[in-house]
Amino acid sequence: MYEMGAGNGTLMLNILDYIRDADPSVYQRTKYKIIEISPNLASMQANQLMRNADARGHASKVEIINKSIFEWNQVVASPCYFVAMEVFDNFAHDAIRYDPTTEEPLQGTVLIDAGGDFYEFYTPQIDPVASRYMRVRHAATGGKYPHPLYQNRFRRVLRGALPFQPNLSDPEYIPTRLMQFFDVLERYFPGHKLVTSDFHDLPDTIKGINAPVVQTRYQRRTVPVRTALVHQGYFDILFPTDFNVMESMYRAITGKLTRVLSHEDFLRRWAYVEETQTKSGENPLLNWYKNASVMTTV
């Protein structure tokens, strides 16, 4: 098993606990490898593992690889599971706007001046990664995906004729890095089965299609802002995942079949949900994550 972005390592320990208890023979041949880009989190995962080694005995099963998944260069030919929980929302995206008259795309670029101020501008020169994303998306979905220009054409022309209207469409944020992650799976993990979960909808997002929520903390409160042009290190930028589009792209790139379920439907299918119901009758696992989906390789 491979897990990307394992946080503090709790899921790793719980999975290994379950395999050991449910099927000791499978546990004997199980290897669990964490791919973690953050040195701090890799250290935390190692400490978590060592603190629990005596009680849980998993130390010999686990390897923590402190590198980016996008630096991976070793083919894993054997069958494996690849786990990615709430990592897509942190992947880099590109901003695209469209000329309403010509319908041509323009790619966003940010200039940071000597004083640290941000300036956004758009150019018709689309880089190869973003260009490939748009080609693969169109082919994989048959052209059926959310788009800033997919609205009543008469309305769009009328709006463009009004004074003081923007000369470009609202932005769409395309998950180019997620496409590259699927490329890594296809090239280096040909025998994988993917298990991933993330948010398909987020509150307080900025303007645009597939737009992120940009937020910071102030006096122990979460404060959303209305722009992604914020100073690095002071704000969280989280993107929703359009699982309809991403499922089609994953299938097109890897050739594998998938299933997408809501978080609730996935747990009703696989979990002992009666054990997570509270005395009040509420079930946090089913009720608290209405905006999350799960995609698995079948």
Protein backbone atom coordinates (compact mmCIF):
# COMPACT_ATOMS: atom_id res chain seq x y z
CA MET A 1 0.00 0.00 0.00
CA TYR A 2 1.10 3.54 -0.79
CA GLU A 3 -0.33 6.63 0.88
CA MET A 4 0.39 10.15 -0.33
CA GLY A 5 0.19 12.97 2.19
CA ALA A 6 -0.46 10.87 5.29
CA GLY A 7 -0.83 13.74 7.78
CA ASN A 8 0.24 12.58 11.22
CA GLY A 9 0.01 8.88 10.27
CA THR A 10 -3.20 7.97 12.09
CA LEU A 11 -4.88 6.42 9.04
CA MET A 12 -1.78 4.29 8.42
CA LEU A 13 -1.93 2.86 11.95
CA ASN A 14 -5.66 2.21 11.75
CA ILE A 15 -5.40 0.42 8.40
CA LEU A 16 -2.57 -1.79 9.62
CA ASP A 17 -4.49 -2.54 12.84
CA TYR A 18 -7.50 -3.66 10.81
CA ILE A 19 -5.52 -5.85 8.40
CA ARG A 20 -3.68 -7.52 11.27
CA ASP A 21 -6.90 -8.26 13.15
CA ALA A 22 -9.05 -9.22 10.14
CA ASP A 23 -6.56 -11.34 8.18
CA PRO A 24 -3.19 -12.13 9.83
CA SER A 25 -1.94 -13.95 6.72
CA VAL A 26 -2.44 -10.84 4.58
CA TYR A 27 -0.85 -8.72 7.30
CA GLN A 28 2.30 -10.86 7.18
CA ARG A 29 2.96 -9.84 3.56
CA THR A 30 1.70 -6.26 3.78
CA LYS A 31 4.04 -3.32 3.22
CA TYR A 32 2.87 0.26 3.81
CA LYS A 33 4.80 3.08 2.15
CA ILE A 34 4.10 6.75 2.82
CA ILE A 35 5.13 9.32 0.21
CA GLU A 36 5.41 12.63 2.06
CA ILE A 37 6.76 15.88 0.59
CA SER A 38 6.98 17.71 3.95
CA PRO A 39 10.07 16.94 6.09
CA ASN A 40 8.18 18.04 9.21
CA LEU A 41 5.24 15.71 8.55
CA ALA A 42 7.57 12.85 7.59
CA SER A 43 9.28 13.28 10.97
CA MET A 44 5.90 13.42 12.73
CA GLN A 45 4.81 10.21 11.00
CA ALA A 46 8.03 8.47 12.04
CA ASN A 47 7.53 9.61 15.64
CA GLN A 48 3.92 8.43 15.58
CA LEU A 49 5.06 5.07 14.31
CA MET A 50 7.77 4.68 16.95
CA ARG A 51 5.49 5.79 19.79
CA ASN A 52 3.07 3.05 18.83
CA ALA A 53 5.59 0.40 17.79
CA ASP A 54 5.57 -1.53 21.05
CA ALA A 55 1.79 -1.62 21.39
CA ARG A 56 0.91 -2.12 17.74
CA GLY A 57 4.02 -3.70 16.23
CA HIS A 58 3.86 -2.12 12.77
CA ALA A 59 7.36 -0.62 12.58
CA SER A 60 8.72 -3.34 10.29
CA LYS A 61 5.79 -2.87 7.89
CA VAL A 62 6.20 0.84 7.21
CA GLU A 63 8.56 2.90 5.07
CA ILE A 64 8.35 6.71 5.00
CA ILE A 65 9.66 8.22 1.76
CA ASN A 66 10.30 11.95 2.13
CA LYS A 67 9.88 13.17 -1.46
CA SER A 68 7.29 14.63 -3.80
CA ILE A 69 5.15 12.17 -5.73
CA PHE A 70 6.07 14.23 -8.81
CA GLU A 71 9.73 13.27 -8.31
CA TRP A 72 8.88 9.55 -8.35
CA ASN A 73 10.94 7.65 -10.95
CA GLN A 74 10.67 3.97 -10.00
CA VAL A 75 8.21 1.59 -11.64
CA VAL A 76 6.14 -0.43 -9.16
CA ALA A 77 5.07 -3.38 -11.26
CA SER A 78 3.31 -5.36 -8.53
CA PRO A 79 -0.36 -4.77 -7.64
CA CYS A 80 -0.86 -2.15 -4.95
CA TYR A 81 -3.39 0.21 -3.41
CA PHE A 82 -2.70 3.94 -3.64
CA VAL A 83 -4.43 6.04 -0.97
CA ALA A 84 -4.86 9.82 -1.32
CA MET A 85 -7.11 11.44 1.28
CA GLU A 86 -7.78 15.17 1.08
CA VAL A 87 -4.72 15.99 -0.99
CA PHE A 88 -6.32 17.05 -4.29
CA ASP A 89 -7.61 20.26 -2.68
CA ASN A 90 -4.01 21.39 -2.15
CA PHE A 91 -2.79 20.69 -5.69
CA ALA A 92 -1.78 23.67 -7.83
CA HIS A 93 -4.33 24.94 -10.37
CA ASP A 94 -4.08 27.26 -13.37
CA ALA A 95 -6.46 30.18 -13.92
CA ILE A 96 -8.05 30.45 -17.37
CA ARG A 97 -10.33 33.18 -18.71
CA TYR A 98 -12.00 33.38 -22.11
CA ASP A 99 -12.52 36.16 -24.63
CA PRO A 100 -16.35 36.26 -24.93
CA THR A 101 -16.11 37.34 -28.58
CA THR A 102 -13.60 34.87 -29.95
CA GLU A 103 -14.05 32.23 -27.20
CA GLU A 104 -10.26 31.87 -27.10
CA PRO A 105 -8.68 30.94 -23.73
CA LEU A 106 -6.12 33.08 -21.93
CA GLN A 107 -3.92 31.85 -19.10
CA GLY A 108 -3.41 33.77 -15.88
CA THR A 109 -0.01 34.88 -14.65
CA VAL A 110 0.86 36.75 -11.46
CA LEU A 111 3.60 39.35 -11.24
CA ILE A 112 5.05 40.20 -7.82
CA ASP A 113 6.85 43.55 -7.77
CA ALA A 114 9.74 44.63 -5.57
CA GLY A 115 7.30 45.90 -2.93
CA GLY A 116 5.54 42.53 -2.69
CA ASP A 117 2.35 43.66 -4.44
CA PHE A 118 0.52 41.23 -6.75
CA TYR A 119 -0.60 41.99 -10.30
CA GLU A 120 -2.63 39.51 -12.35
CA PHE A 121 -2.65 39.49 -16.13
CA TYR A 122 -3.77 37.08 -18.86
CA THR A 123 -1.98 36.01 -22.02
CA PRO A 124 -3.17 33.99 -25.03
CA GLN A 125 0.03 31.91 -24.85
CA ILE A 126 -1.21 28.78 -23.05
CA ASP A 127 1.58 26.65 -21.58
CA PRO A 128 1.87 22.99 -22.72
CA VAL A 129 0.53 21.51 -19.46
CA ALA A 130 -2.63 23.65 -19.39
CA SER A 131 -3.13 23.13 -23.12
CA ARG A 132 -2.90 19.35 -22.72
CA TYR A 133 -5.31 19.46 -19.79
CA MET A 134 -7.94 21.20 -21.91
CA ARG A 135 -7.47 18.71 -24.77
CA VAL A 136 -7.69 15.65 -22.49
CA ARG A 137 -10.70 17.07 -20.63
CA HIS A 138 -12.58 17.76 -23.85
CA ALA A 139 -11.86 14.29 -25.25
CA ALA A 140 -12.58 12.46 -21.97
CA THR A 141 -15.89 14.22 -21.25
CA GLY A 142 -17.12 14.67 -24.81
CA GLY A 143 -17.13 18.42 -24.23
CA LYS A 144 -19.56 18.18 -21.32
CA TYR A 145 -18.06 20.08 -18.39
CA PRO A 146 -18.67 23.40 -16.60
CA HIS A 147 -17.34 26.32 -18.62
CA PRO A 148 -17.52 30.12 -18.15
CA LEU A 149 -18.97 30.55 -21.66
CA TYR A 150 -21.58 27.76 -21.38
CA GLN A 151 -24.53 30.07 -20.96
CA ASN A 152 -27.17 31.60 -23.18
CA ARG A 153 -25.25 33.07 -26.13
CA PHE A 154 -27.69 35.99 -26.56
CA ARG A 155 -27.29 36.87 -22.90
CA ARG A 156 -23.55 36.78 -23.23
CA VAL A 157 -23.50 39.04 -26.29
CA LEU A 158 -25.93 41.44 -24.63
CA ARG A 159 -23.84 41.57 -21.48
CA GLY A 160 -20.72 42.26 -23.52
CA ALA A 161 -22.41 45.20 -25.23
CA LEU A 162 -23.14 46.96 -21.95
CA PRO A 163 -20.69 49.65 -20.81
CA PHE A 164 -18.12 48.96 -18.09
CA GLN A 165 -18.44 45.18 -18.47
CA PRO A 166 -15.29 43.04 -18.10
CA ASN A 167 -13.69 42.10 -21.41
CA LEU A 168 -12.98 38.55 -20.24
CA SER A 169 -15.11 35.79 -18.75
CA ASP A 170 -15.06 34.79 -15.10
CA PRO A 171 -12.03 32.59 -14.39
CA GLU A 172 -12.04 28.84 -14.26
CA TYR A 173 -9.41 27.06 -12.20
CA ILE A 174 -8.15 23.93 -13.91
CA PRO A 175 -6.41 21.18 -11.84
CA THR A 176 -3.36 20.71 -14.04
CA ARG A 177 -1.32 19.21 -11.18
CA LEU A 178 -4.00 16.59 -10.56
CA MET A 179 -3.75 15.54 -14.22
CA GLN A 180 0.01 15.15 -13.74
CA PHE A 181 -0.63 12.99 -10.67
CA PHE A 182 -2.74 10.66 -12.83
CA ASP A 183 0.20 10.57 -15.27
CA VAL A 184 2.48 9.39 -12.43
CA LEU A 185 0.04 6.64 -11.50
CA GLU A 186 -0.26 5.49 -15.11
CA ARG A 187 3.49 5.49 -15.73
CA TYR A 188 4.96 4.26 -12.44
CA PHE A 189 2.12 2.36 -10.72
CA PRO A 190 0.48 0.41 -13.57
CA GLY A 191 -0.99 -2.19 -11.19
CA HIS A 192 -2.48 0.29 -8.72
CA LYS A 193 -5.99 0.63 -7.37
CA LEU A 194 -6.77 4.19 -6.29
CA VAL A 195 -8.71 5.06 -3.14
CA THR A 196 -9.22 8.80 -2.80
CA SER A 197 -11.57 11.22 -1.07
CA ASP A 198 -11.91 14.99 -1.21
CA PHE A 199 -14.40 17.84 -1.17
CA HIS A 200 -16.61 18.33 -4.22
CA ASP A 201 -18.00 21.56 -2.80
CA LEU A 202 -16.60 24.23 -0.48
CA PRO A 203 -18.25 27.25 1.16
CA ASP A 204 -17.13 30.88 0.78
CA THR A 205 -15.23 30.34 -2.46
CA ILE A 206 -13.96 33.23 -4.55
CA LYS A 207 -15.53 34.04 -7.92
CA GLY A 208 -15.14 31.56 -10.79
CA ILE A 209 -15.67 27.95 -11.84
CA ASN A 210 -13.95 25.39 -9.60
CA ALA A 211 -12.76 28.39 -7.59
CA PRO A 212 -11.00 27.92 -4.24
CA VAL A 213 -11.79 29.09 -0.76
CA VAL A 214 -9.01 31.39 0.44
CA GLN A 215 -8.89 31.83 4.21
CA THR A 216 -6.73 32.71 7.16
CA ARG A 217 -7.01 32.59 10.95
CA TYR A 218 -7.48 35.69 13.07
CA GLN A 219 -8.19 35.65 16.80
CA ARG A 220 -8.97 31.92 16.57
CA ARG A 221 -11.57 32.49 13.85
CA THR A 222 -11.49 31.45 10.21
CA VAL A 223 -11.68 34.48 7.93
CA PRO A 224 -12.36 33.94 4.18
CA VAL A 225 -11.14 36.51 1.66
CA ARG A 226 -12.27 37.27 -1.90
CA THR A 227 -9.01 36.90 -3.85
CA ALA A 228 -6.32 34.29 -4.39
CA LEU A 229 -3.66 37.00 -4.67
CA VAL A 230 -2.51 36.67 -1.06
CA HIS A 231 0.92 36.51 0.54
CA GLN A 232 2.35 33.04 0.78
CA GLY A 233 2.36 31.36 4.17
CA TYR A 234 -0.45 33.41 5.71
CA PHE A 235 -3.46 31.89 3.92
CA ASP A 236 -4.88 28.46 3.11
CA ILE A 237 -6.06 27.98 -0.48
CA LEU A 238 -8.32 24.94 -0.92
CA PHE A 239 -9.88 23.85 -4.21
CA PRO A 240 -12.99 21.70 -4.68
CA THR A 241 -12.71 18.62 -6.92
CA ASP A 242 -15.16 18.11 -9.78
CA PHE A 243 -15.34 14.33 -9.53
CA ASN A 244 -17.42 14.00 -12.70
CA VAL A 245 -14.63 15.56 -14.75
CA MET A 246 -11.78 13.99 -12.79
CA GLU A 247 -13.24 10.50 -13.03
CA SER A 248 -13.41 10.86 -16.82
CA MET A 249 -9.84 12.14 -17.00
CA TYR A 250 -8.51 9.44 -14.69
CA ARG A 251 -10.16 6.79 -16.85
CA ALA A 252 -8.78 8.34 -20.05
CA ILE A 253 -5.21 8.57 -18.69
CA THR A 254 -4.95 5.26 -16.83
CA GLY A 255 -7.44 3.10 -18.71
CA LYS A 256 -8.95 1.92 -15.42
CA LEU A 257 -12.60 1.80 -14.38
CA THR A 258 -13.78 3.73 -11.35
CA ARG A 259 -16.72 4.35 -9.06
CA VAL A 260 -17.60 7.68 -7.45
CA LEU A 261 -19.83 7.75 -4.37
CA SER A 262 -20.80 10.42 -1.90
CA HIS A 263 -19.04 10.15 1.45
CA GLU A 264 -22.29 8.98 3.04
CA ASP A 265 -23.04 6.35 0.38
CA PHE A 266 -19.49 5.00 0.56
CA LEU A 267 -19.70 4.56 4.33
CA ARG A 268 -23.16 2.99 4.20
CA ARG A 269 -21.74 0.49 1.74
CA TRP A 270 -18.52 -0.41 3.57
CA ALA A 271 -18.62 0.76 7.21
CA TYR A 272 -20.38 -0.45 10.33
CA VAL A 273 -22.32 2.79 10.59
CA GLU A 274 -24.44 1.57 13.47
CA GLU A 275 -21.29 1.64 15.61
CA THR A 276 -20.71 5.35 14.96
CA GLN A 277 -24.19 6.56 15.89
CA THR A 278 -24.35 8.77 18.98
CA LYS A 279 -26.89 8.53 21.81
CA SER A 280 -28.80 11.45 20.30
CA GLY A 281 -29.29 9.47 17.08
CA GLU A 282 -26.86 11.60 15.09
CA ASN A 283 -24.14 9.91 13.06
CA PRO A 284 -21.18 12.26 12.46
CA LEU A 285 -19.61 10.02 9.81
CA LEU A 286 -22.75 10.23 7.71
CA ASN A 287 -23.93 13.77 8.45
CA TRP A 288 -20.83 15.91 8.74
CA TYR A 289 -19.27 15.36 5.31
CA LYS A 290 -22.09 16.01 2.86
CA ASN A 291 -19.70 17.97 0.64
CA ALA A 292 -17.18 15.11 0.22
CA SER A 293 -16.97 12.31 -2.36
CA VAL A 294 -14.97 9.10 -2.67
CA MET A 295 -13.49 7.71 -5.89
CA THR A 296 -12.15 4.17 -6.08
CA THR A 297 -10.72 1.99 -8.82
CA VAL A 298 -12.89 -1.08 -9.43
